[in-house]
Amino acid sequence: MVVGLGSCNMANDDDYKNVADDMCNCVNKNVTGLSKEFKEIYSKYGAGDQATLEAKMQEYMMNDFEGAMKDMGQMEQVGAKIETCMKDSKKKYKELYTSDNEKEVQNKVLKELKDAKGCELSYALFSMGMKAGK
């Protein structure tokens, strides 16, 4: 998420919290079809070590292959819906100005997500996205 450089409305901590809240709400409303176990695995291990996440997902697949496959199939749709929300959010905040670079903005938003109750899955998914984008 990039906060635009379009005007003189300077971004502050509340703005980063609002961006994080929007991201969290977007994720939470779009993952309702995923199983509780899948969401818990990603919430708990997604922001950490990739090998641990993969091991937990393999364990889930061994215990409930059909459920895991259903969840994996839905992730593409979930990703597309989240991407749409993020584009809408970017438009919403395009008038904010910040001297921070994109990475600094992302880190501030991630910190807000990490600290927000009910946003564990959002934090994990966006952390994974940032790692992949390196």
N, C-alpha and C. Protein backbone atom coordinates (compact mmCIF):
# COMPACT_ATOMS: atom_id res chain seq x y z
N MET A 1 0.86 -1.17 0.00
CA MET A 1 0.00 0.00 0.00
C MET A 1 0.90 1.22 0.00
N VAL A 2 0.66 2.09 -0.91
CA VAL A 2 1.43 3.32 -1.00
C VAL A 2 0.51 4.47 -0.68
N VAL A 3 0.94 5.36 0.19
CA VAL A 3 0.20 6.58 0.45
C VAL A 3 0.68 7.58 -0.58
N GLY A 4 -0.25 8.12 -1.32
CA GLY A 4 0.10 8.98 -2.45
C GLY A 4 0.76 10.29 -2.07
N LEU A 5 1.30 10.93 -3.08
CA LEU A 5 1.98 12.20 -2.89
C LEU A 5 1.20 13.32 -3.57
N GLY A 6 -0.13 13.24 -3.53
CA GLY A 6 -0.95 14.13 -4.34
C GLY A 6 -1.24 15.51 -3.80
N SER A 7 -1.15 15.77 -2.52
CA SER A 7 -1.49 17.09 -2.00
C SER A 7 -0.70 17.34 -0.73
N CYS A 8 -1.11 18.36 0.02
CA CYS A 8 -0.38 18.74 1.23
C CYS A 8 -1.04 18.22 2.50
N ASN A 9 -1.90 17.24 2.40
CA ASN A 9 -2.54 16.64 3.57
C ASN A 9 -1.57 15.61 4.15
N MET A 10 -0.79 16.01 5.14
CA MET A 10 0.31 15.20 5.66
C MET A 10 -0.23 13.99 6.44
N ALA A 11 0.28 12.82 6.11
CA ALA A 11 -0.11 11.58 6.80
C ALA A 11 0.43 11.59 8.22
N ASN A 12 -0.36 11.03 9.14
CA ASN A 12 0.08 10.90 10.53
C ASN A 12 -0.23 9.48 11.02
N ASP A 13 0.07 9.21 12.28
CA ASP A 13 -0.13 7.87 12.82
C ASP A 13 -1.57 7.38 12.68
N ASP A 14 -2.53 8.29 12.85
CA ASP A 14 -3.94 7.89 12.69
C ASP A 14 -4.23 7.42 11.27
N ASP A 15 -3.59 8.06 10.31
CA ASP A 15 -3.79 7.65 8.92
C ASP A 15 -3.27 6.24 8.68
N TYR A 16 -2.11 5.93 9.24
CA TYR A 16 -1.56 4.58 9.09
C TYR A 16 -2.47 3.57 9.78
N LYS A 17 -3.01 3.95 10.93
CA LYS A 17 -3.95 3.06 11.63
C LYS A 17 -5.21 2.86 10.77
N ASN A 18 -5.70 3.91 10.16
CA ASN A 18 -6.89 3.81 9.31
C ASN A 18 -6.64 2.92 8.09
N VAL A 19 -5.46 3.06 7.48
CA VAL A 19 -5.10 2.21 6.35
C VAL A 19 -5.08 0.75 6.81
N ALA A 20 -4.46 0.50 7.96
CA ALA A 20 -4.38 -0.86 8.50
C ALA A 20 -5.78 -1.40 8.81
N ASP A 21 -6.64 -0.57 9.38
CA ASP A 21 -8.02 -0.99 9.68
C ASP A 21 -8.75 -1.38 8.39
N ASP A 22 -8.57 -0.57 7.35
CA ASP A 22 -9.20 -0.89 6.07
C ASP A 22 -8.68 -2.21 5.51
N MET A 23 -7.37 -2.41 5.60
CA MET A 23 -6.78 -3.66 5.12
C MET A 23 -7.31 -4.85 5.91
N CYS A 24 -7.38 -4.71 7.21
CA CYS A 24 -7.87 -5.78 8.07
C CYS A 24 -9.33 -6.11 7.74
N ASN A 25 -10.15 -5.08 7.63
CA ASN A 25 -11.56 -5.30 7.30
C ASN A 25 -11.71 -5.98 5.95
N CYS A 26 -10.89 -5.58 5.00
CA CYS A 26 -10.92 -6.17 3.67
C CYS A 26 -10.63 -7.67 3.75
N VAL A 27 -9.56 -8.01 4.44
CA VAL A 27 -9.20 -9.43 4.57
C VAL A 27 -10.29 -10.19 5.30
N ASN A 28 -10.72 -9.67 6.44
CA ASN A 28 -11.70 -10.39 7.25
C ASN A 28 -13.01 -10.64 6.51
N LYS A 29 -13.45 -9.70 5.71
CA LYS A 29 -14.72 -9.91 4.99
C LYS A 29 -14.57 -10.86 3.81
N ASN A 30 -13.33 -11.08 3.36
CA ASN A 30 -13.13 -11.92 2.18
C ASN A 30 -12.60 -13.32 2.49
N VAL A 31 -12.37 -13.64 3.74
CA VAL A 31 -11.87 -14.98 4.08
C VAL A 31 -12.91 -15.82 4.81
N THR A 32 -14.14 -15.39 4.77
CA THR A 32 -15.18 -16.10 5.52
C THR A 32 -15.39 -17.52 5.03
N GLY A 33 -15.08 -17.81 3.76
CA GLY A 33 -15.26 -19.15 3.22
C GLY A 33 -14.11 -20.11 3.53
N LEU A 34 -13.04 -19.59 4.10
CA LEU A 34 -11.90 -20.45 4.45
C LEU A 34 -12.14 -21.12 5.80
N SER A 35 -11.61 -22.30 5.96
CA SER A 35 -11.81 -23.03 7.22
C SER A 35 -11.09 -22.35 8.37
N LYS A 36 -11.59 -22.59 9.55
CA LYS A 36 -11.00 -22.04 10.77
C LYS A 36 -9.55 -22.52 10.89
N GLU A 37 -9.30 -23.79 10.60
CA GLU A 37 -7.95 -24.33 10.74
C GLU A 37 -6.97 -23.65 9.78
N PHE A 38 -7.39 -23.46 8.55
CA PHE A 38 -6.54 -22.80 7.55
C PHE A 38 -6.19 -21.39 8.00
N LYS A 39 -7.20 -20.64 8.45
CA LYS A 39 -6.96 -19.28 8.90
C LYS A 39 -6.04 -19.25 10.12
N GLU A 40 -6.22 -20.21 11.02
CA GLU A 40 -5.36 -20.26 12.21
C GLU A 40 -3.91 -20.57 11.85
N ILE A 41 -3.70 -21.48 10.92
CA ILE A 41 -2.34 -21.81 10.49
C ILE A 41 -1.67 -20.57 9.89
N TYR A 42 -2.36 -19.91 8.98
CA TYR A 42 -1.77 -18.73 8.35
C TYR A 42 -1.60 -17.59 9.35
N SER A 43 -2.56 -17.41 10.26
CA SER A 43 -2.44 -16.35 11.26
C SER A 43 -1.24 -16.57 12.16
N LYS A 44 -1.04 -17.82 12.55
CA LYS A 44 0.02 -18.13 13.51
C LYS A 44 1.41 -18.23 12.87
N TYR A 45 1.48 -18.75 11.65
CA TYR A 45 2.79 -19.04 11.06
C TYR A 45 3.12 -18.25 9.78
N GLY A 46 2.15 -17.54 9.23
CA GLY A 46 2.36 -16.85 7.96
C GLY A 46 3.41 -15.76 7.98
N ALA A 47 3.53 -15.06 9.09
CA ALA A 47 4.49 -13.95 9.16
C ALA A 47 5.89 -14.44 9.54
N GLY A 48 6.01 -15.70 9.86
CA GLY A 48 7.28 -16.23 10.32
C GLY A 48 8.04 -16.98 9.25
N ASP A 49 8.65 -18.05 9.68
CA ASP A 49 9.49 -18.87 8.84
C ASP A 49 8.65 -19.64 7.82
N GLN A 50 9.01 -19.54 6.56
CA GLN A 50 8.27 -20.20 5.47
C GLN A 50 8.25 -21.72 5.64
N ALA A 51 9.36 -22.29 6.10
CA ALA A 51 9.44 -23.75 6.27
C ALA A 51 8.44 -24.24 7.32
N THR A 52 8.28 -23.48 8.38
CA THR A 52 7.31 -23.85 9.42
C THR A 52 5.89 -23.78 8.88
N LEU A 53 5.59 -22.73 8.14
CA LEU A 53 4.27 -22.61 7.54
C LEU A 53 3.99 -23.79 6.61
N GLU A 54 4.95 -24.12 5.77
CA GLU A 54 4.78 -25.24 4.85
C GLU A 54 4.58 -26.55 5.59
N ALA A 55 5.32 -26.75 6.68
CA ALA A 55 5.17 -27.98 7.47
C ALA A 55 3.78 -28.06 8.09
N LYS A 56 3.29 -26.95 8.61
CA LYS A 56 1.94 -26.93 9.21
C LYS A 56 0.87 -27.15 8.15
N MET A 57 1.08 -26.61 6.96
CA MET A 57 0.11 -26.84 5.88
C MET A 57 0.14 -28.30 5.43
N GLN A 58 1.30 -28.90 5.38
CA GLN A 58 1.39 -30.32 5.03
C GLN A 58 0.68 -31.18 6.07
N GLU A 59 0.86 -30.80 7.32
CA GLU A 59 0.18 -31.52 8.41
C GLU A 59 -1.34 -31.40 8.26
N TYR A 60 -1.80 -30.20 7.96
CA TYR A 60 -3.23 -29.97 7.73
C TYR A 60 -3.72 -30.83 6.56
N MET A 61 -2.95 -30.88 5.48
CA MET A 61 -3.34 -31.68 4.32
C MET A 61 -3.41 -33.17 4.66
N MET A 62 -2.50 -33.63 5.50
CA MET A 62 -2.52 -35.05 5.91
C MET A 62 -3.75 -35.36 6.75
N ASN A 63 -4.16 -34.40 7.57
CA ASN A 63 -5.29 -34.61 8.47
C ASN A 63 -6.65 -34.38 7.80
N ASP A 64 -6.69 -33.49 6.81
CA ASP A 64 -7.96 -33.15 6.15
C ASP A 64 -7.67 -32.72 4.72
N PHE A 65 -7.38 -33.69 3.89
CA PHE A 65 -6.98 -33.40 2.51
C PHE A 65 -8.06 -32.61 1.76
N GLU A 66 -9.31 -33.05 1.86
CA GLU A 66 -10.39 -32.37 1.15
C GLU A 66 -10.55 -30.93 1.61
N GLY A 67 -10.53 -30.72 2.90
CA GLY A 67 -10.66 -29.37 3.45
C GLY A 67 -9.50 -28.48 3.02
N ALA A 68 -8.30 -29.01 3.06
CA ALA A 68 -7.11 -28.25 2.67
C ALA A 68 -7.17 -27.88 1.19
N MET A 69 -7.60 -28.82 0.36
CA MET A 69 -7.69 -28.54 -1.08
C MET A 69 -8.77 -27.49 -1.37
N LYS A 70 -9.86 -27.56 -0.65
CA LYS A 70 -10.92 -26.56 -0.81
C LYS A 70 -10.38 -25.18 -0.44
N ASP A 71 -9.67 -25.10 0.69
CA ASP A 71 -9.09 -23.83 1.12
C ASP A 71 -8.09 -23.29 0.10
N MET A 72 -7.23 -24.17 -0.38
CA MET A 72 -6.21 -23.75 -1.34
C MET A 72 -6.87 -23.24 -2.63
N GLY A 73 -7.93 -23.89 -3.04
CA GLY A 73 -8.65 -23.46 -4.23
C GLY A 73 -9.30 -22.09 -4.05
N GLN A 74 -9.78 -21.82 -2.86
CA GLN A 74 -10.44 -20.54 -2.59
C GLN A 74 -9.45 -19.39 -2.44
N MET A 75 -8.19 -19.69 -2.14
CA MET A 75 -7.20 -18.62 -1.91
C MET A 75 -7.01 -17.73 -3.14
N GLU A 76 -7.12 -18.28 -4.33
CA GLU A 76 -6.97 -17.45 -5.53
C GLU A 76 -8.08 -16.40 -5.59
N GLN A 77 -9.32 -16.82 -5.31
CA GLN A 77 -10.44 -15.89 -5.30
C GLN A 77 -10.28 -14.87 -4.18
N VAL A 78 -9.84 -15.34 -3.02
CA VAL A 78 -9.63 -14.45 -1.89
C VAL A 78 -8.58 -13.40 -2.25
N GLY A 79 -7.50 -13.84 -2.86
CA GLY A 79 -6.44 -12.92 -3.26
C GLY A 79 -6.93 -11.85 -4.22
N ALA A 80 -7.75 -12.24 -5.17
CA ALA A 80 -8.29 -11.28 -6.14
C ALA A 80 -9.21 -10.26 -5.45
N LYS A 81 -10.02 -10.72 -4.51
CA LYS A 81 -10.92 -9.82 -3.79
C LYS A 81 -10.13 -8.85 -2.91
N ILE A 82 -9.09 -9.34 -2.28
CA ILE A 82 -8.25 -8.48 -1.43
C ILE A 82 -7.53 -7.45 -2.30
N GLU A 83 -7.08 -7.87 -3.46
CA GLU A 83 -6.40 -6.94 -4.37
C GLU A 83 -7.34 -5.80 -4.78
N THR A 84 -8.61 -6.12 -5.02
CA THR A 84 -9.60 -5.10 -5.36
C THR A 84 -9.78 -4.13 -4.20
N CYS A 85 -9.88 -4.64 -2.99
CA CYS A 85 -10.01 -3.77 -1.81
C CYS A 85 -8.80 -2.86 -1.68
N MET A 86 -7.62 -3.40 -1.93
CA MET A 86 -6.41 -2.61 -1.78
C MET A 86 -6.35 -1.48 -2.81
N LYS A 87 -6.83 -1.74 -4.01
CA LYS A 87 -6.89 -0.68 -5.03
C LYS A 87 -7.85 0.42 -4.58
N ASP A 88 -9.00 0.02 -4.02
CA ASP A 88 -9.97 1.00 -3.52
C ASP A 88 -9.38 1.81 -2.37
N SER A 89 -8.65 1.13 -1.49
CA SER A 89 -8.03 1.81 -0.36
C SER A 89 -6.96 2.79 -0.84
N LYS A 90 -6.21 2.39 -1.83
CA LYS A 90 -5.17 3.26 -2.38
C LYS A 90 -5.80 4.55 -2.92
N LYS A 91 -6.93 4.43 -3.60
CA LYS A 91 -7.64 5.61 -4.11
C LYS A 91 -8.11 6.48 -2.94
N LYS A 92 -8.61 5.84 -1.91
CA LYS A 92 -9.14 6.56 -0.74
C LYS A 92 -8.07 7.42 -0.10
N TYR A 93 -6.83 6.93 -0.06
CA TYR A 93 -5.76 7.63 0.65
C TYR A 93 -4.79 8.35 -0.28
N LYS A 94 -5.15 8.50 -1.55
CA LYS A 94 -4.21 9.08 -2.51
C LYS A 94 -3.90 10.55 -2.23
N GLU A 95 -4.74 11.24 -1.49
CA GLU A 95 -4.51 12.67 -1.22
C GLU A 95 -3.57 12.89 -0.03
N LEU A 96 -3.17 11.82 0.63
CA LEU A 96 -2.24 11.97 1.76
C LEU A 96 -0.82 12.09 1.25
N TYR A 97 -0.07 12.92 1.91
CA TYR A 97 1.33 13.11 1.56
C TYR A 97 2.21 12.55 2.68
N THR A 98 3.28 11.91 2.29
CA THR A 98 4.26 11.47 3.26
C THR A 98 5.64 11.55 2.63
N SER A 99 6.61 11.86 3.46
CA SER A 99 8.00 11.87 2.97
C SER A 99 8.61 10.49 3.09
N ASP A 100 7.88 9.55 3.68
CA ASP A 100 8.36 8.17 3.82
C ASP A 100 8.38 7.49 2.45
N ASN A 101 9.34 6.60 2.26
CA ASN A 101 9.34 5.82 1.04
C ASN A 101 8.32 4.68 1.18
N GLU A 102 8.10 3.96 0.09
CA GLU A 102 7.07 2.92 0.09
C GLU A 102 7.32 1.87 1.18
N LYS A 103 8.55 1.46 1.34
CA LYS A 103 8.90 0.44 2.34
C LYS A 103 8.59 0.94 3.75
N GLU A 104 8.89 2.21 4.03
CA GLU A 104 8.60 2.78 5.35
C GLU A 104 7.10 2.83 5.61
N VAL A 105 6.34 3.19 4.59
CA VAL A 105 4.88 3.23 4.72
C VAL A 105 4.36 1.82 5.01
N GLN A 106 4.83 0.84 4.24
CA GLN A 106 4.40 -0.54 4.44
C GLN A 106 4.73 -1.01 5.85
N ASN A 107 5.92 -0.69 6.33
CA ASN A 107 6.31 -1.10 7.68
C ASN A 107 5.44 -0.47 8.75
N LYS A 108 5.07 0.79 8.57
CA LYS A 108 4.19 1.45 9.55
C LYS A 108 2.81 0.82 9.55
N VAL A 109 2.30 0.52 8.36
CA VAL A 109 0.98 -0.13 8.28
C VAL A 109 1.05 -1.53 8.87
N LEU A 110 2.11 -2.27 8.57
CA LEU A 110 2.28 -3.61 9.14
C LEU A 110 2.35 -3.58 10.66
N LYS A 111 3.03 -2.59 11.21
CA LYS A 111 3.10 -2.47 12.67
C LYS A 111 1.70 -2.28 13.25
N GLU A 112 0.90 -1.44 12.59
CA GLU A 112 -0.49 -1.24 13.04
C GLU A 112 -1.28 -2.55 12.96
N LEU A 113 -1.10 -3.30 11.87
CA LEU A 113 -1.79 -4.59 11.73
C LEU A 113 -1.35 -5.56 12.81
N LYS A 114 -0.06 -5.59 13.10
CA LYS A 114 0.47 -6.52 14.10
C LYS A 114 -0.14 -6.25 15.47
N ASP A 115 -0.36 -4.98 15.77
CA ASP A 115 -0.87 -4.59 17.09
C ASP A 115 -2.40 -4.63 17.19
N ALA A 116 -3.09 -4.77 16.07
CA ALA A 116 -4.55 -4.70 16.05
C ALA A 116 -5.18 -6.06 16.34
N LYS A 117 -6.08 -6.07 17.31
CA LYS A 117 -6.80 -7.31 17.64
C LYS A 117 -7.72 -7.70 16.47
N GLY A 118 -7.69 -8.98 16.13
CA GLY A 118 -8.54 -9.48 15.04
C GLY A 118 -7.92 -9.34 13.67
N CYS A 119 -6.69 -8.85 13.61
CA CYS A 119 -6.03 -8.62 12.32
C CYS A 119 -4.82 -9.53 12.13
N GLU A 120 -4.76 -10.61 12.87
CA GLU A 120 -3.60 -11.51 12.80
C GLU A 120 -3.42 -12.09 11.40
N LEU A 121 -4.52 -12.49 10.78
CA LEU A 121 -4.43 -13.06 9.43
C LEU A 121 -4.00 -11.99 8.43
N SER A 122 -4.53 -10.79 8.57
CA SER A 122 -4.13 -9.69 7.69
C SER A 122 -2.64 -9.43 7.84
N TYR A 123 -2.17 -9.37 9.06
CA TYR A 123 -0.75 -9.14 9.31
C TYR A 123 0.10 -10.23 8.64
N ALA A 124 -0.32 -11.47 8.82
CA ALA A 124 0.45 -12.58 8.24
C ALA A 124 0.46 -12.52 6.72
N LEU A 125 -0.70 -12.29 6.11
CA LEU A 125 -0.78 -12.26 4.65
C LEU A 125 0.04 -11.11 4.06
N PHE A 126 -0.07 -9.94 4.67
CA PHE A 126 0.67 -8.79 4.13
C PHE A 126 2.16 -8.91 4.42
N SER A 127 2.51 -9.54 5.54
CA SER A 127 3.93 -9.80 5.80
C SER A 127 4.50 -10.73 4.73
N MET A 128 3.74 -11.76 4.41
CA MET A 128 4.17 -12.70 3.37
C MET A 128 4.30 -11.99 2.02
N GLY A 129 3.35 -11.11 1.73
CA GLY A 129 3.39 -10.36 0.49
C GLY A 129 4.61 -9.45 0.40
N MET A 130 4.97 -8.84 1.51
CA MET A 130 6.14 -7.98 1.52
C MET A 130 7.42 -8.80 1.33
N LYS A 131 7.48 -9.97 1.97
CA LYS A 131 8.66 -10.84 1.81
C LYS A 131 8.80 -11.28 0.37
N ALA A 132 7.67 -11.62 -0.24
CA ALA A 132 7.68 -12.07 -1.63
C ALA A 132 8.05 -10.94 -2.58
N GLY A 133 7.73 -9.71 -2.20
CA GLY A 133 7.99 -8.56 -3.05
C GLY A 133 9.40 -8.03 -2.97
N LYS A 134 10.22 -8.61 -2.11
CA LYS A 134 11.61 -8.13 -1.94
C LYS A 134 12.41 -8.32 -3.18
